[in-house]
Full PDB file with SEQRES, HELIX, SHEET, SSBOND, CRYST1, ORIGX, SCALE, CONECT and MASTER records, all heavy atoms in Angstrom:
SEQRES   1 A   34  TYR ASP THR PRO ILE TYR SER VAL PHE LEU ALA ALA THR          
SEQRES   2 A   34  LEU THR VAL ILE LEU THR LEU LEU THR ARG ASN LEU TYR          
SEQRES   3 A   34  PHE ILE ALA SER LEU SER THR MET                              
HELIX    1 AA1 ILE A    5  THR A   22  1                                  18    
HELIX    2 AA2 LEU A   25  THR A   33  1                                   9    
CRYST1    1.000    1.000    1.000  90.00  90.00  90.00 P 1           1          
ORIGX1      1.000000  0.000000  0.000000        0.00000                         
ORIGX2      0.000000  1.000000  0.000000        0.00000                         
ORIGX3      0.000000  0.000000  1.000000        0.00000                         
SCALE1      1.000000  0.000000  0.000000        0.00000                         
SCALE2      0.000000  1.000000  0.000000        0.00000                         
SCALE3      0.000000  0.000000  1.000000        0.00000                         
ATOM      1  N   TYR A   1     -17.766 -18.695  17.091  1.00  0.00           N  
ATOM      2  CA  TYR A   1     -17.360 -19.139  15.763  1.00  0.00           C  
ATOM      3  C   TYR A   1     -16.255 -20.229  15.779  1.00  0.00           C  
ATOM      4  O   TYR A   1     -15.969 -20.734  14.725  1.00  0.00           O  
ATOM      5  CB  TYR A   1     -16.867 -17.996  14.898  1.00  0.00           C  
ATOM      6  CG  TYR A   1     -17.846 -16.924  14.778  1.00  0.00           C  
ATOM      7  CD1 TYR A   1     -17.759 -15.671  15.330  1.00  0.00           C  
ATOM      8  CD2 TYR A   1     -19.111 -17.103  14.045  1.00  0.00           C  
ATOM      9  CE1 TYR A   1     -18.692 -14.683  15.234  1.00  0.00           C  
ATOM     10  CE2 TYR A   1     -20.083 -16.130  13.890  1.00  0.00           C  
ATOM     11  CZ  TYR A   1     -19.823 -14.873  14.450  1.00  0.00           C  
ATOM     12  OH  TYR A   1     -20.762 -13.928  14.357  1.00  0.00           O  
ATOM     13  N   ASP A   2     -15.733 -20.557  17.001  1.00  0.00           N  
ATOM     14  CA  ASP A   2     -14.601 -21.512  17.093  1.00  0.00           C  
ATOM     15  C   ASP A   2     -13.471 -21.082  16.218  1.00  0.00           C  
ATOM     16  O   ASP A   2     -12.751 -21.951  15.553  1.00  0.00           O  
ATOM     17  CB  ASP A   2     -15.107 -22.965  16.721  1.00  0.00           C  
ATOM     18  CG  ASP A   2     -16.119 -23.492  17.667  1.00  0.00           C  
ATOM     19  OD1 ASP A   2     -15.939 -23.316  18.872  1.00  0.00           O  
ATOM     20  OD2 ASP A   2     -17.146 -23.972  17.163  1.00  0.00           O  
ATOM     21  N   THR A   3     -13.147 -19.879  16.159  1.00  0.00           N  
ATOM     22  CA  THR A   3     -12.175 -19.274  15.334  1.00  0.00           C  
ATOM     23  C   THR A   3     -11.303 -18.263  16.113  1.00  0.00           C  
ATOM     24  O   THR A   3     -11.831 -17.444  16.876  1.00  0.00           O  
ATOM     25  CB  THR A   3     -12.743 -18.488  14.113  1.00  0.00           C  
ATOM     26  OG1 THR A   3     -13.496 -19.458  13.350  1.00  0.00           O  
ATOM     27  CG2 THR A   3     -11.672 -17.957  13.215  1.00  0.00           C  
ATOM     28  N   PRO A   4      -9.987 -18.227  15.942  1.00  0.00           N  
ATOM     29  CA  PRO A   4      -9.128 -17.216  16.573  1.00  0.00           C  
ATOM     30  C   PRO A   4      -9.298 -15.874  15.851  1.00  0.00           C  
ATOM     31  O   PRO A   4      -8.534 -15.470  15.062  1.00  0.00           O  
ATOM     32  CB  PRO A   4      -7.710 -17.865  16.498  1.00  0.00           C  
ATOM     33  CG  PRO A   4      -7.779 -18.622  15.270  1.00  0.00           C  
ATOM     34  CD  PRO A   4      -9.188 -19.215  15.117  1.00  0.00           C  
ATOM     35  N   ILE A   5     -10.389 -15.181  16.207  1.00  0.00           N  
ATOM     36  CA  ILE A   5     -10.807 -13.947  15.442  1.00  0.00           C  
ATOM     37  C   ILE A   5      -9.735 -12.858  15.494  1.00  0.00           C  
ATOM     38  O   ILE A   5      -9.541 -12.068  14.577  1.00  0.00           O  
ATOM     39  CB  ILE A   5     -12.192 -13.480  15.751  1.00  0.00           C  
ATOM     40  CG1 ILE A   5     -12.260 -13.181  17.262  1.00  0.00           C  
ATOM     41  CG2 ILE A   5     -13.278 -14.516  15.382  1.00  0.00           C  
ATOM     42  CD1 ILE A   5     -13.661 -12.529  17.656  1.00  0.00           C  
ATOM     43  N   TYR A   6      -9.050 -12.790  16.656  1.00  0.00           N  
ATOM     44  CA  TYR A   6      -8.064 -11.637  16.794  1.00  0.00           C  
ATOM     45  C   TYR A   6      -6.865 -11.950  15.909  1.00  0.00           C  
ATOM     46  O   TYR A   6      -6.272 -10.979  15.459  1.00  0.00           O  
ATOM     47  CB  TYR A   6      -7.676 -11.431  18.278  1.00  0.00           C  
ATOM     48  CG  TYR A   6      -8.809 -10.969  19.119  1.00  0.00           C  
ATOM     49  CD1 TYR A   6      -9.492 -11.823  19.959  1.00  0.00           C  
ATOM     50  CD2 TYR A   6      -9.234  -9.586  19.008  1.00  0.00           C  
ATOM     51  CE1 TYR A   6     -10.594 -11.364  20.778  1.00  0.00           C  
ATOM     52  CE2 TYR A   6     -10.223  -9.130  19.790  1.00  0.00           C  
ATOM     53  CZ  TYR A   6     -10.940 -10.053  20.615  1.00  0.00           C  
ATOM     54  OH  TYR A   6     -12.049  -9.562  21.336  1.00  0.00           O  
ATOM     55  N   SER A   7      -6.549 -13.162  15.695  1.00  0.00           N  
ATOM     56  CA  SER A   7      -5.489 -13.552  14.761  1.00  0.00           C  
ATOM     57  C   SER A   7      -5.991 -13.226  13.269  1.00  0.00           C  
ATOM     58  O   SER A   7      -5.113 -12.960  12.415  1.00  0.00           O  
ATOM     59  CB  SER A   7      -5.159 -15.009  14.867  1.00  0.00           C  
ATOM     60  OG  SER A   7      -4.380 -15.277  16.025  1.00  0.00           O  
ATOM     61  N   VAL A   8      -7.264 -13.260  13.063  1.00  0.00           N  
ATOM     62  CA  VAL A   8      -7.702 -12.809  11.777  1.00  0.00           C  
ATOM     63  C   VAL A   8      -7.421 -11.370  11.577  1.00  0.00           C  
ATOM     64  O   VAL A   8      -6.882 -10.985  10.419  1.00  0.00           O  
ATOM     65  CB  VAL A   8      -9.256 -13.116  11.594  1.00  0.00           C  
ATOM     66  CG1 VAL A   8      -9.805 -12.556  10.283  1.00  0.00           C  
ATOM     67  CG2 VAL A   8      -9.625 -14.542  11.728  1.00  0.00           C  
ATOM     68  N   PHE A   9      -7.701 -10.518  12.513  1.00  0.00           N  
ATOM     69  CA  PHE A   9      -7.410  -9.144  12.403  1.00  0.00           C  
ATOM     70  C   PHE A   9      -5.976  -8.913  12.255  1.00  0.00           C  
ATOM     71  O   PHE A   9      -5.539  -7.983  11.363  1.00  0.00           O  
ATOM     72  CB  PHE A   9      -7.912  -8.380  13.647  1.00  0.00           C  
ATOM     73  CG  PHE A   9      -9.430  -8.515  13.897  1.00  0.00           C  
ATOM     74  CD1 PHE A   9      -9.941  -8.606  15.191  1.00  0.00           C  
ATOM     75  CD2 PHE A   9     -10.267  -8.527  12.815  1.00  0.00           C  
ATOM     76  CE1 PHE A   9     -11.253  -8.735  15.483  1.00  0.00           C  
ATOM     77  CE2 PHE A   9     -11.671  -8.672  13.059  1.00  0.00           C  
ATOM     78  CZ  PHE A   9     -12.186  -8.764  14.369  1.00  0.00           C  
ATOM     79  N   LEU A  10      -5.138  -9.582  12.972  1.00  0.00           N  
ATOM     80  CA  LEU A  10      -3.692  -9.478  12.872  1.00  0.00           C  
ATOM     81  C   LEU A  10      -3.161  -9.800  11.472  1.00  0.00           C  
ATOM     82  O   LEU A  10      -2.385  -9.107  10.897  1.00  0.00           O  
ATOM     83  CB  LEU A  10      -2.962 -10.281  13.901  1.00  0.00           C  
ATOM     84  CG  LEU A  10      -1.457 -10.188  13.973  1.00  0.00           C  
ATOM     85  CD1 LEU A  10      -0.957  -8.792  14.207  1.00  0.00           C  
ATOM     86  CD2 LEU A  10      -0.862 -11.158  15.069  1.00  0.00           C  
ATOM     87  N   ALA A  11      -3.624 -10.922  10.978  1.00  0.00           N  
ATOM     88  CA  ALA A  11      -3.200 -11.387   9.644  1.00  0.00           C  
ATOM     89  C   ALA A  11      -3.580 -10.410   8.566  1.00  0.00           C  
ATOM     90  O   ALA A  11      -2.767 -10.099   7.722  1.00  0.00           O  
ATOM     91  CB  ALA A  11      -3.876 -12.775   9.353  1.00  0.00           C  
ATOM     92  N   ALA A  12      -4.789  -9.881   8.640  1.00  0.00           N  
ATOM     93  CA  ALA A  12      -5.259  -8.892   7.650  1.00  0.00           C  
ATOM     94  C   ALA A  12      -4.413  -7.640   7.721  1.00  0.00           C  
ATOM     95  O   ALA A  12      -4.063  -7.066   6.679  1.00  0.00           O  
ATOM     96  CB  ALA A  12      -6.748  -8.534   7.886  1.00  0.00           C  
ATOM     97  N   THR A  13      -4.160  -7.133   8.989  1.00  0.00           N  
ATOM     98  CA  THR A  13      -3.397  -5.934   9.157  1.00  0.00           C  
ATOM     99  C   THR A  13      -1.980  -6.011   8.580  1.00  0.00           C  
ATOM    100  O   THR A  13      -1.507  -5.141   7.887  1.00  0.00           O  
ATOM    101  CB  THR A  13      -3.361  -5.527  10.566  1.00  0.00           C  
ATOM    102  OG1 THR A  13      -4.647  -5.350  11.098  1.00  0.00           O  
ATOM    103  CG2 THR A  13      -2.509  -4.234  10.855  1.00  0.00           C  
ATOM    104  N   LEU A  14      -1.312  -7.174   8.876  1.00  0.00           N  
ATOM    105  CA  LEU A  14       0.078  -7.435   8.401  1.00  0.00           C  
ATOM    106  C   LEU A  14       0.137  -7.481   6.867  1.00  0.00           C  
ATOM    107  O   LEU A  14       0.984  -6.986   6.249  1.00  0.00           O  
ATOM    108  CB  LEU A  14       0.555  -8.639   9.052  1.00  0.00           C  
ATOM    109  CG  LEU A  14       0.844  -8.593  10.574  1.00  0.00           C  
ATOM    110  CD1 LEU A  14       1.215  -9.982  11.135  1.00  0.00           C  
ATOM    111  CD2 LEU A  14       1.959  -7.611  10.904  1.00  0.00           C  
ATOM    112  N   THR A  15      -0.911  -8.127   6.394  1.00  0.00           N  
ATOM    113  CA  THR A  15      -0.968  -8.233   4.817  1.00  0.00           C  
ATOM    114  C   THR A  15      -1.157  -6.945   4.183  1.00  0.00           C  
ATOM    115  O   THR A  15      -0.482  -6.534   3.200  1.00  0.00           O  
ATOM    116  CB  THR A  15      -2.218  -9.184   4.446  1.00  0.00           C  
ATOM    117  OG1 THR A  15      -2.030 -10.415   5.088  1.00  0.00           O  
ATOM    118  CG2 THR A  15      -2.162  -9.353   2.986  1.00  0.00           C  
ATOM    119  N   VAL A  16      -2.042  -6.057   4.720  1.00  0.00           N  
ATOM    120  CA  VAL A  16      -2.319  -4.789   4.259  1.00  0.00           C  
ATOM    121  C   VAL A  16      -0.947  -3.833   4.283  1.00  0.00           C  
ATOM    122  O   VAL A  16      -0.623  -3.195   3.311  1.00  0.00           O  
ATOM    123  CB  VAL A  16      -3.432  -4.013   4.966  1.00  0.00           C  
ATOM    124  CG1 VAL A  16      -3.447  -2.509   4.614  1.00  0.00           C  
ATOM    125  CG2 VAL A  16      -4.735  -4.686   4.688  1.00  0.00           C  
ATOM    126  N   ILE A  17      -0.264  -3.970   5.466  1.00  0.00           N  
ATOM    127  CA  ILE A  17       0.900  -3.157   5.621  1.00  0.00           C  
ATOM    128  C   ILE A  17       1.967  -3.558   4.642  1.00  0.00           C  
ATOM    129  O   ILE A  17       2.620  -2.706   3.965  1.00  0.00           O  
ATOM    130  CB  ILE A  17       1.506  -3.346   7.106  1.00  0.00           C  
ATOM    131  CG1 ILE A  17       0.589  -2.625   8.064  1.00  0.00           C  
ATOM    132  CG2 ILE A  17       2.878  -2.752   7.173  1.00  0.00           C  
ATOM    133  CD1 ILE A  17       0.854  -2.900   9.532  1.00  0.00           C  
ATOM    134  N   LEU A  18       2.249  -4.864   4.414  1.00  0.00           N  
ATOM    135  CA  LEU A  18       3.214  -5.321   3.482  1.00  0.00           C  
ATOM    136  C   LEU A  18       2.856  -4.814   2.077  1.00  0.00           C  
ATOM    137  O   LEU A  18       3.694  -4.389   1.338  1.00  0.00           O  
ATOM    138  CB  LEU A  18       3.355  -6.847   3.500  1.00  0.00           C  
ATOM    139  CG  LEU A  18       4.373  -7.407   2.475  1.00  0.00           C  
ATOM    140  CD1 LEU A  18       5.814  -6.874   2.757  1.00  0.00           C  
ATOM    141  CD2 LEU A  18       4.404  -8.922   2.566  1.00  0.00           C  
ATOM    142  N   THR A  19       1.602  -5.063   1.650  1.00  0.00           N  
ATOM    143  CA  THR A  19       1.130  -4.599   0.329  1.00  0.00           C  
ATOM    144  C   THR A  19       1.336  -3.062   0.130  1.00  0.00           C  
ATOM    145  O   THR A  19       1.773  -2.668  -1.011  1.00  0.00           O  
ATOM    146  CB  THR A  19      -0.351  -4.931   0.134  1.00  0.00           C  
ATOM    147  OG1 THR A  19      -0.539  -6.316   0.428  1.00  0.00           O  
ATOM    148  CG2 THR A  19      -0.753  -4.723  -1.364  1.00  0.00           C  
ATOM    149  N   LEU A  20       0.949  -2.263   1.093  1.00  0.00           N  
ATOM    150  CA  LEU A  20       1.110  -0.777   0.993  1.00  0.00           C  
ATOM    151  C   LEU A  20       2.576  -0.405   0.890  1.00  0.00           C  
ATOM    152  O   LEU A  20       2.926   0.498   0.054  1.00  0.00           O  
ATOM    153  CB  LEU A  20       0.474  -0.144   2.247  1.00  0.00           C  
ATOM    154  CG  LEU A  20      -1.006  -0.009   2.320  1.00  0.00           C  
ATOM    155  CD1 LEU A  20      -1.452   0.577   3.655  1.00  0.00           C  
ATOM    156  CD2 LEU A  20      -1.493   0.941   1.251  1.00  0.00           C  
ATOM    157  N   LEU A  21       3.413  -1.060   1.525  1.00  0.00           N  
ATOM    158  CA  LEU A  21       4.890  -0.668   1.601  1.00  0.00           C  
ATOM    159  C   LEU A  21       5.642  -1.159   0.342  1.00  0.00           C  
ATOM    160  O   LEU A  21       6.525  -0.475  -0.065  1.00  0.00           O  
ATOM    161  CB  LEU A  21       5.500  -1.243   2.875  1.00  0.00           C  
ATOM    162  CG  LEU A  21       5.110  -0.620   4.231  1.00  0.00           C  
ATOM    163  CD1 LEU A  21       5.881  -1.325   5.378  1.00  0.00           C  
ATOM    164  CD2 LEU A  21       5.402   0.846   4.281  1.00  0.00           C  
ATOM    165  N   THR A  22       5.184  -2.209  -0.248  1.00  0.00           N  
ATOM    166  CA  THR A  22       5.982  -2.734  -1.356  1.00  0.00           C  
ATOM    167  C   THR A  22       5.330  -2.427  -2.704  1.00  0.00           C  
ATOM    168  O   THR A  22       5.975  -1.861  -3.613  1.00  0.00           O  
ATOM    169  CB  THR A  22       6.195  -4.226  -1.257  1.00  0.00           C  
ATOM    170  OG1 THR A  22       4.881  -4.881  -1.152  1.00  0.00           O  
ATOM    171  CG2 THR A  22       7.037  -4.578  -0.003  1.00  0.00           C  
ATOM    172  N   ARG A  23       4.092  -2.811  -2.909  1.00  0.00           N  
ATOM    173  CA  ARG A  23       3.387  -2.621  -4.126  1.00  0.00           C  
ATOM    174  C   ARG A  23       4.111  -3.190  -5.318  1.00  0.00           C  
ATOM    175  O   ARG A  23       4.127  -2.722  -6.450  1.00  0.00           O  
ATOM    176  CB  ARG A  23       3.125  -1.175  -4.390  1.00  0.00           C  
ATOM    177  CG  ARG A  23       2.099  -0.513  -3.427  1.00  0.00           C  
ATOM    178  CD  ARG A  23       1.898   0.970  -3.661  1.00  0.00           C  
ATOM    179  NE  ARG A  23       3.063   1.711  -3.358  1.00  0.00           N  
ATOM    180  CZ  ARG A  23       3.347   2.944  -3.872  1.00  0.00           C  
ATOM    181  NH1 ARG A  23       2.447   3.503  -4.701  1.00  0.00           N  
ATOM    182  NH2 ARG A  23       4.387   3.659  -3.512  1.00  0.00           N  
ATOM    183  N   ASN A  24       4.749  -4.329  -5.075  1.00  0.00           N  
ATOM    184  CA  ASN A  24       5.577  -4.931  -6.145  1.00  0.00           C  
ATOM    185  C   ASN A  24       5.429  -6.465  -6.020  1.00  0.00           C  
ATOM    186  O   ASN A  24       5.923  -7.079  -5.032  1.00  0.00           O  
ATOM    187  CB  ASN A  24       7.082  -4.513  -6.079  1.00  0.00           C  
ATOM    188  CG  ASN A  24       7.820  -5.032  -7.205  1.00  0.00           C  
ATOM    189  OD1 ASN A  24       7.989  -6.249  -7.393  1.00  0.00           O  
ATOM    190  ND2 ASN A  24       8.452  -4.142  -7.941  1.00  0.00           N  
ATOM    191  N   LEU A  25       4.726  -7.075  -6.920  1.00  0.00           N  
ATOM    192  CA  LEU A  25       4.336  -8.540  -6.874  1.00  0.00           C  
ATOM    193  C   LEU A  25       5.697  -9.348  -6.870  1.00  0.00           C  
ATOM    194  O   LEU A  25       5.756 -10.353  -6.208  1.00  0.00           O  
ATOM    195  CB  LEU A  25       3.360  -8.956  -7.983  1.00  0.00           C  
ATOM    196  CG  LEU A  25       2.991 -10.438  -7.966  1.00  0.00           C  
ATOM    197  CD1 LEU A  25       2.283 -10.766  -6.669  1.00  0.00           C  
ATOM    198  CD2 LEU A  25       2.120 -10.683  -9.182  1.00  0.00           C  
ATOM    199  N   TYR A  26       6.587  -8.896  -7.739  1.00  0.00           N  
ATOM    200  CA  TYR A  26       7.833  -9.690  -7.821  1.00  0.00           C  
ATOM    201  C   TYR A  26       8.665  -9.793  -6.474  1.00  0.00           C  
ATOM    202  O   TYR A  26       9.199 -10.777  -6.145  1.00  0.00           O  
ATOM    203  CB  TYR A  26       8.703  -9.091  -8.881  1.00  0.00           C  
ATOM    204  CG  TYR A  26       9.782  -9.999  -9.512  1.00  0.00           C  
ATOM    205  CD1 TYR A  26       9.471 -11.029 -10.368  1.00  0.00           C  
ATOM    206  CD2 TYR A  26      11.068  -9.901  -9.057  1.00  0.00           C  
ATOM    207  CE1 TYR A  26      10.378 -11.911 -10.845  1.00  0.00           C  
ATOM    208  CE2 TYR A  26      12.077 -10.703  -9.564  1.00  0.00           C  
ATOM    209  CZ  TYR A  26      11.707 -11.751 -10.504  1.00  0.00           C  
ATOM    210  OH  TYR A  26      12.672 -12.612 -10.935  1.00  0.00           O  
ATOM    211  N   PHE A  27       8.682  -8.647  -5.873  1.00  0.00           N  
ATOM    212  CA  PHE A  27       9.416  -8.635  -4.564  1.00  0.00           C  
ATOM    213  C   PHE A  27       8.615  -9.433  -3.509  1.00  0.00           C  
ATOM    214  O   PHE A  27       9.162 -10.164  -2.736  1.00  0.00           O  
ATOM    215  CB  PHE A  27       9.494  -7.202  -4.047  1.00  0.00           C  
ATOM    216  CG  PHE A  27      10.010  -7.053  -2.708  1.00  0.00           C  
ATOM    217  CD1 PHE A  27      11.309  -7.324  -2.308  1.00  0.00           C  
ATOM    218  CD2 PHE A  27       9.258  -6.658  -1.628  1.00  0.00           C  
ATOM    219  CE1 PHE A  27      11.799  -7.331  -1.004  1.00  0.00           C  
ATOM    220  CE2 PHE A  27       9.606  -6.580  -0.327  1.00  0.00           C  
ATOM    221  CZ  PHE A  27      10.897  -6.915  -0.023  1.00  0.00           C  
ATOM    222  N   ILE A  28       7.309  -9.251  -3.485  1.00  0.00           N  
ATOM    223  CA  ILE A  28       6.474  -9.984  -2.499  1.00  0.00           C  
ATOM    224  C   ILE A  28       6.620 -11.522  -2.721  1.00  0.00           C  
ATOM    225  O   ILE A  28       6.799 -12.196  -1.816  1.00  0.00           O  
ATOM    226  CB  ILE A  28       5.031  -9.598  -2.641  1.00  0.00           C  
ATOM    227  CG1 ILE A  28       4.829  -8.125  -2.183  1.00  0.00           C  
ATOM    228  CG2 ILE A  28       4.115 -10.516  -1.795  1.00  0.00           C  
ATOM    229  CD1 ILE A  28       3.431  -7.589  -2.453  1.00  0.00           C  
ATOM    230  N   ALA A  29       6.624 -11.978  -3.988  1.00  0.00           N  
ATOM    231  CA  ALA A  29       6.768 -13.379  -4.268  1.00  0.00           C  
ATOM    232  C   ALA A  29       8.124 -13.845  -3.869  1.00  0.00           C  
ATOM    233  O   ALA A  29       8.287 -14.972  -3.332  1.00  0.00           O  
ATOM    234  CB  ALA A  29       6.650 -13.595  -5.775  1.00  0.00           C  
ATOM    235  N   SER A  30       9.182 -13.015  -4.070  1.00  0.00           N  
ATOM    236  CA  SER A  30      10.610 -13.368  -3.675  1.00  0.00           C  
ATOM    237  C   SER A  30      10.704 -13.441  -2.173  1.00  0.00           C  
ATOM    238  O   SER A  30      11.299 -14.459  -1.664  1.00  0.00           O  
ATOM    239  CB  SER A  30      11.600 -12.273  -4.143  1.00  0.00           C  
ATOM    240  OG  SER A  30      11.529 -12.208  -5.600  1.00  0.00           O  
ATOM    241  N   LEU A  31      10.119 -12.541  -1.413  1.00  0.00           N  
ATOM    242  CA  LEU A  31      10.122 -12.591   0.031  1.00  0.00           C  
ATOM    243  C   LEU A  31       9.335 -13.802   0.560  1.00  0.00           C  
ATOM    244  O   LEU A  31       9.826 -14.454   1.421  1.00  0.00           O  
ATOM    245  CB  LEU A  31       9.475 -11.288   0.614  1.00  0.00           C  
ATOM    246  CG  LEU A  31       9.424 -11.119   2.123  1.00  0.00           C  
ATOM    247  CD1 LEU A  31      10.834 -11.088   2.677  1.00  0.00           C  
ATOM    248  CD2 LEU A  31       8.664  -9.888   2.485  1.00  0.00           C  
ATOM    249  N   SER A  32       8.238 -14.096  -0.052  1.00  0.00           N  
ATOM    250  CA  SER A  32       7.392 -15.282   0.380  1.00  0.00           C  
ATOM    251  C   SER A  32       8.221 -16.493   0.185  1.00  0.00           C  
ATOM    252  O   SER A  32       8.255 -17.429   1.011  1.00  0.00           O  
ATOM    253  CB  SER A  32       6.063 -15.285  -0.447  1.00  0.00           C  
ATOM    254  OG  SER A  32       5.372 -16.413  -0.269  1.00  0.00           O  
ATOM    255  N   THR A  33       8.814 -16.621  -1.064  1.00  0.00           N  
ATOM    256  CA  THR A  33       9.558 -17.853  -1.373  1.00  0.00           C  
ATOM    257  C   THR A  33      10.695 -18.025  -0.356  1.00  0.00           C  
ATOM    258  O   THR A  33      10.945 -19.142   0.083  1.00  0.00           O  
ATOM    259  CB  THR A  33      10.118 -17.799  -2.792  1.00  0.00           C  
ATOM    260  OG1 THR A  33       8.947 -17.528  -3.656  1.00  0.00           O  
ATOM    261  CG2 THR A  33      10.756 -19.139  -3.171  1.00  0.00           C  
ATOM    262  N   MET A  34      11.448 -16.992  -0.098  1.00  0.00           N  
ATOM    263  CA  MET A  34      12.644 -17.160   0.758  1.00  0.00           C  
ATOM    264  C   MET A  34      12.212 -17.426   2.201  1.00  0.00           C  
ATOM    265  O   MET A  34      12.756 -18.308   2.863  1.00  0.00           O  
ATOM    266  CB  MET A  34      13.447 -15.848   0.750  1.00  0.00           C  
ATOM    267  CG  MET A  34      14.762 -15.988   1.529  1.00  0.00           C  
ATOM    268  SD  MET A  34      15.936 -14.575   1.237  1.00  0.00           S  
ATOM    269  CE  MET A  34      15.029 -13.297   2.062  1.00  0.00           C  
TER     270      MET A  34                                                      
MASTER        0    0    0    2    0    0    0    6  269    1    0    3          
END                                                                             
């Protein structure tokens, strides 16, 4: 696929973990911005 597929798995996992732990869009937006 000419794609770093293991980095895809890592990106998805990290995103899921952050969403599960925070569940707050305002905080996520603040963390992203900073």
